[in-house]
Amino acid sequence: MIKAVFFDIDGTLVSFQQKFLPDQLLADLAGLRARGIKIFVSSGRALQDLELTGMLRGAEFDGYVTINGQFCCDGDGVPFRDRPIDRSDMRGACQVLRDNPDIPALLEGNGESYLTQINDRVREIYQFLHTQLYPVCPLEQMLEMSVYQFVPFVSPNEEQVFLDAMPGCTYTRWHPLGIDVIPRDGGKEVGVRAVMERYGFAPGEIMAFGDGENDMGMLALAGTSVAMGNAGEAVKAMADYVTGSVENIGVSQALRHFGLLPR
């Protein structure tokens, strides 16, 4: 019996073209809660991203696994996992940025986010993310704040220099010009485990939806895993079920396929 469902946002609940949660999903999420099924966000985004964009249109969730599992809280905002990147890794990242002044990066904290600079690469990515530009901070400030996710805007050919400078971290790629760098012991699956421990869920009692590389650990953990039709082939291959694309509201299709909502 499914007691909880975890949802990625970008490419799963929300389309990069439509930018906001559609009416059908807004109703379906409320329908799950009305049936006693708890629902959780599981996203690479930070809470401030969700507030700034309004992309979830006020939908109520029982909890949030954010910043790829590095900050997790319940529906009232009470945290139960809080894991920033180690300062030594951030010092390494800061030095790489000094040595490569044309490379920008996003620093995601708990409640605050900053860019190291704004250039054409940043504008291209933020247009894709449909998110307003965050303020710019000096590199010295990044060593004073708690950074939960470091997002250098780099191509595959440029990424290794950051990985070498941040040995305590791992990463996933989400865009041809963007990677998410988080502590090596992190990831969405770690955040989902924290939720399971807090609420007493077993793997067989949870379902997870995702489309990207950073969703694969979460999908492997869940007793029932659903890949979106727009997901990469590796994500589809590991999922229990492949549903329709985000543009075709594949989440709603899968919820009815598994009997969590009436057809």
C-alpha atoms as a PDB file:
ATOM      1  CA  MET A   1       0.000   0.000   0.000  1.00  0.00           C
ATOM      2  CA  ILE A   2       1.419   3.363  -1.041  1.00  0.00           C
ATOM      3  CA  LYS A   3       1.520   5.797   1.881  1.00  0.00           C
ATOM      4  CA  ALA A   4       3.719   8.534   0.398  1.00  0.00           C
ATOM      5  CA  VAL A   5       4.621   9.877  -3.033  1.00  0.00           C
ATOM      6  CA  PHE A   6       7.748  11.898  -3.883  1.00  0.00           C
ATOM      7  CA  PHE A   7       7.727  14.249  -6.857  1.00  0.00           C
ATOM      8  CA  ASP A   8      10.565  15.836  -8.755  1.00  0.00           C
ATOM      9  CA  ILE A   9       9.486  19.241 -10.065  1.00  0.00           C
ATOM     10  CA  ASP A  10      11.236  20.341 -13.271  1.00  0.00           C
ATOM     11  CA  GLY A  11      10.384  17.943 -16.069  1.00  0.00           C
ATOM     12  CA  THR A  12       7.994  16.001 -13.837  1.00  0.00           C
ATOM     13  CA  LEU A  13       5.367  18.200 -12.176  1.00  0.00           C
ATOM     14  CA  VAL A  14       6.190  21.319 -14.155  1.00  0.00           C
ATOM     15  CA  SER A  15       7.098  21.614 -17.829  1.00  0.00           C
ATOM     16  CA  PHE A  16       9.945  23.859 -18.913  1.00  0.00           C
ATOM     17  CA  GLN A  17       7.555  25.183 -21.557  1.00  0.00           C
ATOM     18  CA  GLN A  18       4.439  25.690 -19.415  1.00  0.00           C
ATOM     19  CA  LYS A  19       6.389  26.840 -16.329  1.00  0.00           C
ATOM     20  CA  PHE A  20       3.637  26.278 -13.746  1.00  0.00           C
ATOM     21  CA  LEU A  21       1.795  23.349 -12.173  1.00  0.00           C
ATOM     22  CA  PRO A  22      -1.231  22.602 -14.394  1.00  0.00           C
ATOM     23  CA  ASP A  23      -4.794  22.591 -13.038  1.00  0.00           C
ATOM     24  CA  GLN A  24      -5.082  18.808 -13.350  1.00  0.00           C
ATOM     25  CA  LEU A  25      -2.065  18.172 -11.159  1.00  0.00           C
ATOM     26  CA  LEU A  26      -3.101  20.814  -8.650  1.00  0.00           C
ATOM     27  CA  ALA A  27      -6.352  18.887  -8.191  1.00  0.00           C
ATOM     28  CA  ASP A  28      -4.639  15.488  -8.175  1.00  0.00           C
ATOM     29  CA  LEU A  29      -2.180  16.469  -5.457  1.00  0.00           C
ATOM     30  CA  ALA A  30      -5.054  17.618  -3.274  1.00  0.00           C
ATOM     31  CA  GLY A  31      -6.845  14.360  -4.107  1.00  0.00           C
ATOM     32  CA  LEU A  32      -3.928  12.281  -2.852  1.00  0.00           C
ATOM     33  CA  ARG A  33      -3.881  14.118   0.463  1.00  0.00           C
ATOM     34  CA  ALA A  34      -7.634  13.736   0.788  1.00  0.00           C
ATOM     35  CA  ARG A  35      -7.096   9.965   0.524  1.00  0.00           C
ATOM     36  CA  GLY A  36      -4.537  10.038   3.326  1.00  0.00           C
ATOM     37  CA  ILE A  37      -1.482   9.722   1.077  1.00  0.00           C
ATOM     38  CA  LYS A  38       1.337  12.067   2.052  1.00  0.00           C
ATOM     39  CA  ILE A  39       3.037  13.986  -0.744  1.00  0.00           C
ATOM     40  CA  PHE A  40       6.564  15.362  -0.827  1.00  0.00           C
ATOM     41  CA  VAL A  41       8.569  17.579  -3.141  1.00  0.00           C
ATOM     42  CA  SER A  42      11.964  16.088  -4.048  1.00  0.00           C
ATOM     43  CA  SER A  43      13.824  18.682  -6.070  1.00  0.00           C
ATOM     44  CA  GLY A  44      17.207  20.086  -6.917  1.00  0.00           C
ATOM     45  CA  ARG A  45      15.708  23.508  -6.314  1.00  0.00           C
ATOM     46  CA  ALA A  46      15.822  25.372  -3.019  1.00  0.00           C
ATOM     47  CA  LEU A  47      12.739  26.555  -1.153  1.00  0.00           C
ATOM     48  CA  GLN A  48      13.475  30.133  -2.183  1.00  0.00           C
ATOM     49  CA  ASP A  49      13.305  29.056  -5.844  1.00  0.00           C
ATOM     50  CA  LEU A  50       9.814  27.663  -5.330  1.00  0.00           C
ATOM     51  CA  GLU A  51       8.672  30.828  -3.605  1.00  0.00           C
ATOM     52  CA  LEU A  52      10.271  33.151  -6.152  1.00  0.00           C
ATOM     53  CA  THR A  53       8.827  31.386  -9.208  1.00  0.00           C
ATOM     54  CA  GLY A  54       5.406  30.499  -7.782  1.00  0.00           C
ATOM     55  CA  MET A  55       5.636  27.429 -10.012  1.00  0.00           C
ATOM     56  CA  LEU A  56       3.714  25.166  -7.596  1.00  0.00           C
ATOM     57  CA  ARG A  57       0.790  27.603  -7.430  1.00  0.00           C
ATOM     58  CA  GLY A  58       0.243  27.236  -3.706  1.00  0.00           C
ATOM     59  CA  ALA A  59      -0.067  23.435  -3.708  1.00  0.00           C
ATOM     60  CA  GLU A  60       0.325  22.090  -0.169  1.00  0.00           C
ATOM     61  CA  PHE A  61       2.869  19.347   0.515  1.00  0.00           C
ATOM     62  CA  ASP A  62       3.572  17.339   3.650  1.00  0.00           C
ATOM     63  CA  GLY A  63       7.285  17.986   3.332  1.00  0.00           C
ATOM     64  CA  TYR A  64      10.146  19.088   1.120  1.00  0.00           C
ATOM     65  CA  VAL A  65      13.335  17.343   0.065  1.00  0.00           C
ATOM     66  CA  THR A  66      15.205  20.287  -1.453  1.00  0.00           C
ATOM     67  CA  ILE A  67      18.616  21.151  -2.883  1.00  0.00           C
ATOM     68  CA  ASN A  68      19.050  17.525  -3.961  1.00  0.00           C
ATOM     69  CA  GLY A  69      18.464  16.210  -0.447  1.00  0.00           C
ATOM     70  CA  GLN A  70      20.701  18.640   1.414  1.00  0.00           C
ATOM     71  CA  PHE A  71      17.899  20.487   3.198  1.00  0.00           C
ATOM     72  CA  CYS A  72      14.685  18.699   4.191  1.00  0.00           C
ATOM     73  CA  CYS A  73      11.769  20.045   6.179  1.00  0.00           C
ATOM     74  CA  ASP A  74       8.150  19.217   6.960  1.00  0.00           C
ATOM     75  CA  GLY A  75       5.169  21.106   5.596  1.00  0.00           C
ATOM     76  CA  ASP A  76       5.492  23.700   8.364  1.00  0.00           C
ATOM     77  CA  GLY A  77       9.115  24.389   7.495  1.00  0.00           C
ATOM     78  CA  VAL A  78      10.617  22.495  10.467  1.00  0.00           C
ATOM     79  CA  PRO A  79      13.932  21.023   9.252  1.00  0.00           C
ATOM     80  CA  PHE A  80      15.028  17.437   9.819  1.00  0.00           C
ATOM     81  CA  ARG A  81      18.062  17.269   7.511  1.00  0.00           C
ATOM     82  CA  ASP A  82      20.522  20.126   7.163  1.00  0.00           C
ATOM     83  CA  ARG A  83      23.796  19.381   5.350  1.00  0.00           C
ATOM     84  CA  PRO A  84      25.824  22.191   3.734  1.00  0.00           C
ATOM     85  CA  ILE A  85      29.001  21.656   1.715  1.00  0.00           C
ATOM     86  CA  ASP A  86      32.194  21.526   3.776  1.00  0.00           C
ATOM     87  CA  ARG A  87      34.054  24.846   3.900  1.00  0.00           C
ATOM     88  CA  SER A  88      37.271  23.260   2.602  1.00  0.00           C
ATOM     89  CA  ASP A  89      35.481  22.210  -0.588  1.00  0.00           C
ATOM     90  CA  MET A  90      34.034  25.696  -0.958  1.00  0.00           C
ATOM     91  CA  ARG A  91      37.510  27.204  -0.607  1.00  0.00           C
ATOM     92  CA  GLY A  92      38.614  24.978  -3.470  1.00  0.00           C
ATOM     93  CA  ALA A  93      35.661  26.074  -5.598  1.00  0.00           C
ATOM     94  CA  CYS A  94      36.355  29.718  -4.828  1.00  0.00           C
ATOM     95  CA  GLN A  95      39.944  29.379  -6.008  1.00  0.00           C
ATOM     96  CA  VAL A  96      38.830  27.786  -9.285  1.00  0.00           C
ATOM     97  CA  LEU A  97      36.460  30.703  -9.879  1.00  0.00           C
ATOM     98  CA  ARG A  98      39.312  33.156  -9.228  1.00  0.00           C
ATOM     99  CA  ASP A  99      41.490  31.281 -11.723  1.00  0.00           C
ATOM    100  CA  ASN A 100      38.671  31.177 -14.305  1.00  0.00           C
ATOM    101  CA  PRO A 101      37.009  34.614 -14.120  1.00  0.00           C
ATOM    102  CA  ASP A 102      34.702  33.947 -17.095  1.00  0.00           C
ATOM    103  CA  ILE A 103      32.952  31.003 -15.399  1.00  0.00           C
ATOM    104  CA  PRO A 104      29.862  31.944 -13.362  1.00  0.00           C
ATOM    105  CA  ALA A 105      28.268  29.911 -10.585  1.00  0.00           C
ATOM    106  CA  LEU A 106      25.149  29.801  -8.432  1.00  0.00           C
ATOM    107  CA  LEU A 107      25.450  29.419  -4.653  1.00  0.00           C
ATOM    108  CA  GLU A 108      22.345  27.896  -3.059  1.00  0.00           C
ATOM    109  CA  GLY A 109      21.874  28.332   0.659  1.00  0.00           C
ATOM    110  CA  ASN A 110      18.940  27.821   2.996  1.00  0.00           C
ATOM    111  CA  GLY A 111      16.761  30.825   2.263  1.00  0.00           C
ATOM    112  CA  GLU A 112      19.295  32.714   0.164  1.00  0.00           C
ATOM    113  CA  SER A 113      20.909  32.215  -3.213  1.00  0.00           C
ATOM    114  CA  TYR A 114      23.537  34.255  -5.041  1.00  0.00           C
ATOM    115  CA  LEU A 115      25.286  34.365  -8.389  1.00  0.00           C
ATOM    116  CA  THR A 116      29.003  35.021  -8.634  1.00  0.00           C
ATOM    117  CA  GLN A 117      28.448  37.107 -11.793  1.00  0.00           C
ATOM    118  CA  ILE A 118      25.901  37.634 -14.566  1.00  0.00           C
ATOM    119  CA  ASN A 119      26.945  37.032 -18.171  1.00  0.00           C
ATOM    120  CA  ASP A 120      25.424  35.576 -21.347  1.00  0.00           C
ATOM    121  CA  ARG A 121      25.828  32.022 -20.067  1.00  0.00           C
ATOM    122  CA  VAL A 122      23.877  32.862 -16.931  1.00  0.00           C
ATOM    123  CA  ARG A 123      21.125  34.583 -18.908  1.00  0.00           C
ATOM    124  CA  GLU A 124      20.759  31.568 -21.210  1.00  0.00           C
ATOM    125  CA  ILE A 125      20.372  29.137 -18.312  1.00  0.00           C
ATOM    126  CA  TYR A 126      18.004  31.334 -16.333  1.00  0.00           C
ATOM    127  CA  GLN A 127      15.761  31.714 -19.350  1.00  0.00           C
ATOM    128  CA  PHE A 128      15.643  27.902 -19.484  1.00  0.00           C
ATOM    129  CA  LEU A 129      14.885  27.726 -15.742  1.00  0.00           C
ATOM    130  CA  HIS A 130      12.242  30.489 -15.928  1.00  0.00           C
ATOM    131  CA  THR A 131      13.690  31.908 -12.712  1.00  0.00           C
ATOM    132  CA  GLN A 132      14.580  35.509 -11.933  1.00  0.00           C
ATOM    133  CA  LEU A 133      18.260  36.290 -11.607  1.00  0.00           C
ATOM    134  CA  TYR A 134      19.600  36.214  -8.066  1.00  0.00           C
ATOM    135  CA  PRO A 135      21.829  39.022  -6.749  1.00  0.00           C
ATOM    136  CA  VAL A 136      25.579  38.880  -7.248  1.00  0.00           C
ATOM    137  CA  CYS A 137      27.908  38.416  -4.288  1.00  0.00           C
ATOM    138  CA  PRO A 138      31.704  38.740  -4.114  1.00  0.00           C
ATOM    139  CA  LEU A 139      33.650  35.493  -4.022  1.00  0.00           C
ATOM    140  CA  GLU A 140      34.770  36.168  -0.446  1.00  0.00           C
ATOM    141  CA  GLN A 141      31.131  36.069   0.680  1.00  0.00           C
ATOM    142  CA  MET A 142      30.697  32.505  -0.555  1.00  0.00           C
ATOM    143  CA  LEU A 143      33.189  31.422   2.094  1.00  0.00           C
ATOM    144  CA  GLU A 144      31.111  33.028   4.830  1.00  0.00           C
ATOM    145  CA  MET A 145      27.700  31.598   3.937  1.00  0.00           C
ATOM    146  CA  SER A 146      26.469  27.999   4.256  1.00  0.00           C
ATOM    147  CA  VAL A 147      26.280  26.677   0.692  1.00  0.00           C
ATOM    148  CA  TYR A 148      24.172  23.545   0.268  1.00  0.00           C
ATOM    149  CA  GLN A 149      24.608  23.261  -3.479  1.00  0.00           C
ATOM    150  CA  PHE A 150      27.268  24.759  -5.706  1.00  0.00           C
ATOM    151  CA  VAL A 151      26.189  25.135  -9.330  1.00  0.00           C
ATOM    152  CA  PRO A 152      28.980  26.103 -11.735  1.00  0.00           C
ATOM    153  CA  PHE A 153      27.707  26.869 -15.237  1.00  0.00           C
ATOM    154  CA  VAL A 154      30.169  24.678 -17.102  1.00  0.00           C
ATOM    155  CA  SER A 155      30.294  22.384 -20.116  1.00  0.00           C
ATOM    156  CA  PRO A 156      31.435  18.743 -19.714  1.00  0.00           C
ATOM    157  CA  ASN A 157      34.908  19.834 -20.827  1.00  0.00           C
ATOM    158  CA  GLU A 158      35.101  22.416 -18.042  1.00  0.00           C
ATOM    159  CA  GLU A 159      33.659  20.504 -15.085  1.00  0.00           C
ATOM    160  CA  GLN A 160      36.671  18.454 -13.955  1.00  0.00           C
ATOM    161  CA  VAL A 161      38.621  21.380 -12.552  1.00  0.00           C
ATOM    162  CA  PHE A 162      35.828  21.968 -10.010  1.00  0.00           C
ATOM    163  CA  LEU A 163      35.503  18.290  -9.138  1.00  0.00           C
ATOM    164  CA  ASP A 164      39.235  18.065  -8.508  1.00  0.00           C
ATOM    165  CA  ALA A 165      39.051  21.080  -6.193  1.00  0.00           C
ATOM    166  CA  MET A 166      36.063  19.675  -4.228  1.00  0.00           C
ATOM    167  CA  PRO A 167      37.067  16.102  -3.227  1.00  0.00           C
ATOM    168  CA  GLY A 168      34.317  15.826  -0.621  1.00  0.00           C
ATOM    169  CA  CYS A 169      31.621  16.352  -3.228  1.00  0.00           C
ATOM    170  CA  THR A 170      29.818  14.610  -6.063  1.00  0.00           C
ATOM    171  CA  TYR A 171      27.694  15.999  -8.878  1.00  0.00           C
ATOM    172  CA  THR A 172      24.941  15.445 -11.428  1.00  0.00           C
ATOM    173  CA  ARG A 173      24.482  17.229 -14.744  1.00  0.00           C
ATOM    174  CA  TRP A 174      21.099  18.806 -15.489  1.00  0.00           C
ATOM    175  CA  HIS A 175      21.930  21.046 -18.457  1.00  0.00           C
ATOM    176  CA  PRO A 176      24.662  21.157 -21.142  1.00  0.00           C
ATOM    177  CA  LEU A 177      26.035  24.139 -19.230  1.00  0.00           C
ATOM    178  CA  GLY A 178      25.141  23.249 -15.658  1.00  0.00           C
ATOM    179  CA  ILE A 179      25.997  20.757 -12.904  1.00  0.00           C
ATOM    180  CA  ASP A 180      24.808  20.454  -9.291  1.00  0.00           C
ATOM    181  CA  VAL A 181      27.660  19.865  -6.849  1.00  0.00           C
ATOM    182  CA  ILE A 182      26.681  18.525  -3.407  1.00  0.00           C
ATOM    183  CA  PRO A 183      28.394  16.639  -0.549  1.00  0.00           C
ATOM    184  CA  ARG A 184      29.437  13.119  -1.514  1.00  0.00           C
ATOM    185  CA  ASP A 185      27.136  11.632   1.129  1.00  0.00           C
ATOM    186  CA  GLY A 186      24.107  13.529  -0.239  1.00  0.00           C
ATOM    187  CA  GLY A 187      21.525  13.136  -2.971  1.00  0.00           C
ATOM    188  CA  LYS A 188      17.769  12.945  -3.258  1.00  0.00           C
ATOM    189  CA  GLU A 189      17.797   9.357  -2.032  1.00  0.00           C
ATOM    190  CA  VAL A 190      19.438  10.479   1.218  1.00  0.00           C
ATOM    191  CA  GLY A 191      16.762  13.113   1.692  1.00  0.00           C
ATOM    192  CA  VAL A 192      14.024  10.575   0.961  1.00  0.00           C
ATOM    193  CA  ARG A 193      15.541   8.211   3.533  1.00  0.00           C
ATOM    194  CA  ALA A 194      15.399  11.040   6.067  1.00  0.00           C
ATOM    195  CA  VAL A 195      11.680  11.431   5.322  1.00  0.00           C
ATOM    196  CA  MET A 196      11.150   7.671   5.639  1.00  0.00           C
ATOM    197  CA  GLU A 197      12.839   7.635   9.034  1.00  0.00           C
ATOM    198  CA  ARG A 198      10.875  10.628  10.277  1.00  0.00           C
ATOM    199  CA  TYR A 199       7.480   9.250   9.224  1.00  0.00           C
ATOM    200  CA  GLY A 200       8.147   5.520   9.484  1.00  0.00           C
ATOM    201  CA  PHE A 201       7.711   4.612   5.810  1.00  0.00           C
ATOM    202  CA  ALA A 202       9.128   1.396   4.377  1.00  0.00           C
ATOM    203  CA  PRO A 203      10.477   1.386   0.795  1.00  0.00           C
ATOM    204  CA  GLY A 204       7.479  -0.621  -0.381  1.00  0.00           C
ATOM    205  CA  GLU A 205       5.174   2.111   0.902  1.00  0.00           C
ATOM    206  CA  ILE A 206       6.613   4.908  -1.207  1.00  0.00           C
ATOM    207  CA  MET A 207       6.333   5.902  -4.865  1.00  0.00           C
ATOM    208  CA  ALA A 208       8.675   8.304  -6.626  1.00  0.00           C
ATOM    209  CA  PHE A 209       8.441  10.248  -9.903  1.00  0.00           C
ATOM    210  CA  GLY A 210      11.382  11.681 -11.811  1.00  0.00           C
ATOM    211  CA  ASP A 211      12.968  12.385 -15.165  1.00  0.00           C
ATOM    212  CA  GLY A 212      16.607  13.306 -14.610  1.00  0.00           C
ATOM    213  CA  GLU A 213      19.981  11.936 -13.633  1.00  0.00           C
ATOM    214  CA  ASN A 214      19.606  13.329 -10.109  1.00  0.00           C
ATOM    215  CA  ASP A 215      16.395  11.299  -9.659  1.00  0.00           C
ATOM    216  CA  MET A 216      17.966   7.892 -10.234  1.00  0.00           C
ATOM    217  CA  GLY A 217      18.978   7.225  -6.626  1.00  0.00           C
ATOM    218  CA  MET A 218      15.510   8.168  -5.400  1.00  0.00           C
ATOM    219  CA  LEU A 219      13.845   5.956  -8.007  1.00  0.00           C
ATOM    220  CA  ALA A 220      16.080   3.022  -7.024  1.00  0.00           C
ATOM    221  CA  LEU A 221      15.100   3.454  -3.375  1.00  0.00           C
ATOM    222  CA  ALA A 222      11.333   3.673  -3.914  1.00  0.00           C
ATOM    223  CA  GLY A 223       9.263   0.513  -3.915  1.00  0.00           C
ATOM    224  CA  THR A 224       7.399   1.901  -6.932  1.00  0.00           C
ATOM    225  CA  SER A 225       9.316   4.104  -9.352  1.00  0.00           C
ATOM    226  CA  VAL A 226       7.900   6.071 -12.270  1.00  0.00           C
ATOM    227  CA  ALA A 227       9.924   7.679 -15.054  1.00  0.00           C
ATOM    228  CA  MET A 228       8.438  10.440 -17.148  1.00  0.00           C
ATOM    229  CA  GLY A 229       8.093   9.973 -20.896  1.00  0.00           C
ATOM    230  CA  ASN A 230      10.584  12.811 -21.381  1.00  0.00           C
ATOM    231  CA  ALA A 231      13.172  11.133 -19.125  1.00  0.00           C
ATOM    232  CA  GLY A 232      16.536   9.946 -20.372  1.00  0.00           C
ATOM    233  CA  GLU A 233      16.873   6.325 -21.439  1.00  0.00           C
ATOM    234  CA  ALA A 234      18.902   5.368 -18.361  1.00  0.00           C
ATOM    235  CA  VAL A 235      16.158   6.712 -16.092  1.00  0.00           C
ATOM    236  CA  LYS A 236      13.438   4.893 -18.035  1.00  0.00           C
ATOM    237  CA  ALA A 237      15.393   1.630 -17.955  1.00  0.00           C
ATOM    238  CA  MET A 238      15.522   1.522 -14.165  1.00  0.00           C
ATOM    239  CA  ALA A 239      11.912   2.556 -13.482  1.00  0.00           C
ATOM    240  CA  ASP A 240       9.019   0.200 -12.744  1.00  0.00           C
ATOM    241  CA  TYR A 241       6.764   2.185 -15.042  1.00  0.00           C
ATOM    242  CA  VAL A 242       7.229   4.778 -17.781  1.00  0.00           C
ATOM    243  CA  THR A 243       4.375   7.234 -18.000  1.00  0.00           C
ATOM    244  CA  GLY A 244       3.545  10.069 -20.395  1.00  0.00           C
ATOM    245  CA  SER A 245       5.637  13.190 -20.744  1.00  0.00           C
ATOM    246  CA  VAL A 246       5.384  16.183 -18.447  1.00  0.00           C
ATOM    247  CA  GLU A 247       3.601  18.109 -21.226  1.00  0.00           C
ATOM    248  CA  ASN A 248       0.984  15.341 -21.352  1.00  0.00           C
ATOM    249  CA  ILE A 249       0.620  15.361 -17.549  1.00  0.00           C
ATOM    250  CA  GLY A 250       2.152  11.911 -17.208  1.00  0.00           C
ATOM    251  CA  VAL A 251       2.021  12.088 -13.406  1.00  0.00           C
ATOM    252  CA  SER A 252      -1.796  12.057 -13.497  1.00  0.00           C
ATOM    253  CA  GLN A 253      -1.757   9.094 -15.860  1.00  0.00           C
ATOM    254  CA  ALA A 254       0.531   7.079 -13.577  1.00  0.00           C
ATOM    255  CA  LEU A 255      -1.405   7.881 -10.407  1.00  0.00           C
ATOM    256  CA  ARG A 256      -4.493   6.374 -12.032  1.00  0.00           C
ATOM    257  CA  HIS A 257      -2.585   3.457 -13.537  1.00  0.00           C
ATOM    258  CA  PHE A 258      -1.544   2.435 -10.009  1.00  0.00           C
ATOM    259  CA  GLY A 259      -5.004   3.085  -8.552  1.00  0.00           C
ATOM    260  CA  LEU A 260      -4.016   5.932  -6.243  1.00  0.00           C
ATOM    261  CA  LEU A 261      -6.746   8.105  -7.776  1.00  0.00           C
ATOM    262  CA  PRO A 262      -9.989   7.123  -9.503  1.00  0.00           C
ATOM    263  CA  ARG A 263      -9.970   7.020 -13.294  1.00  0.00           C
END
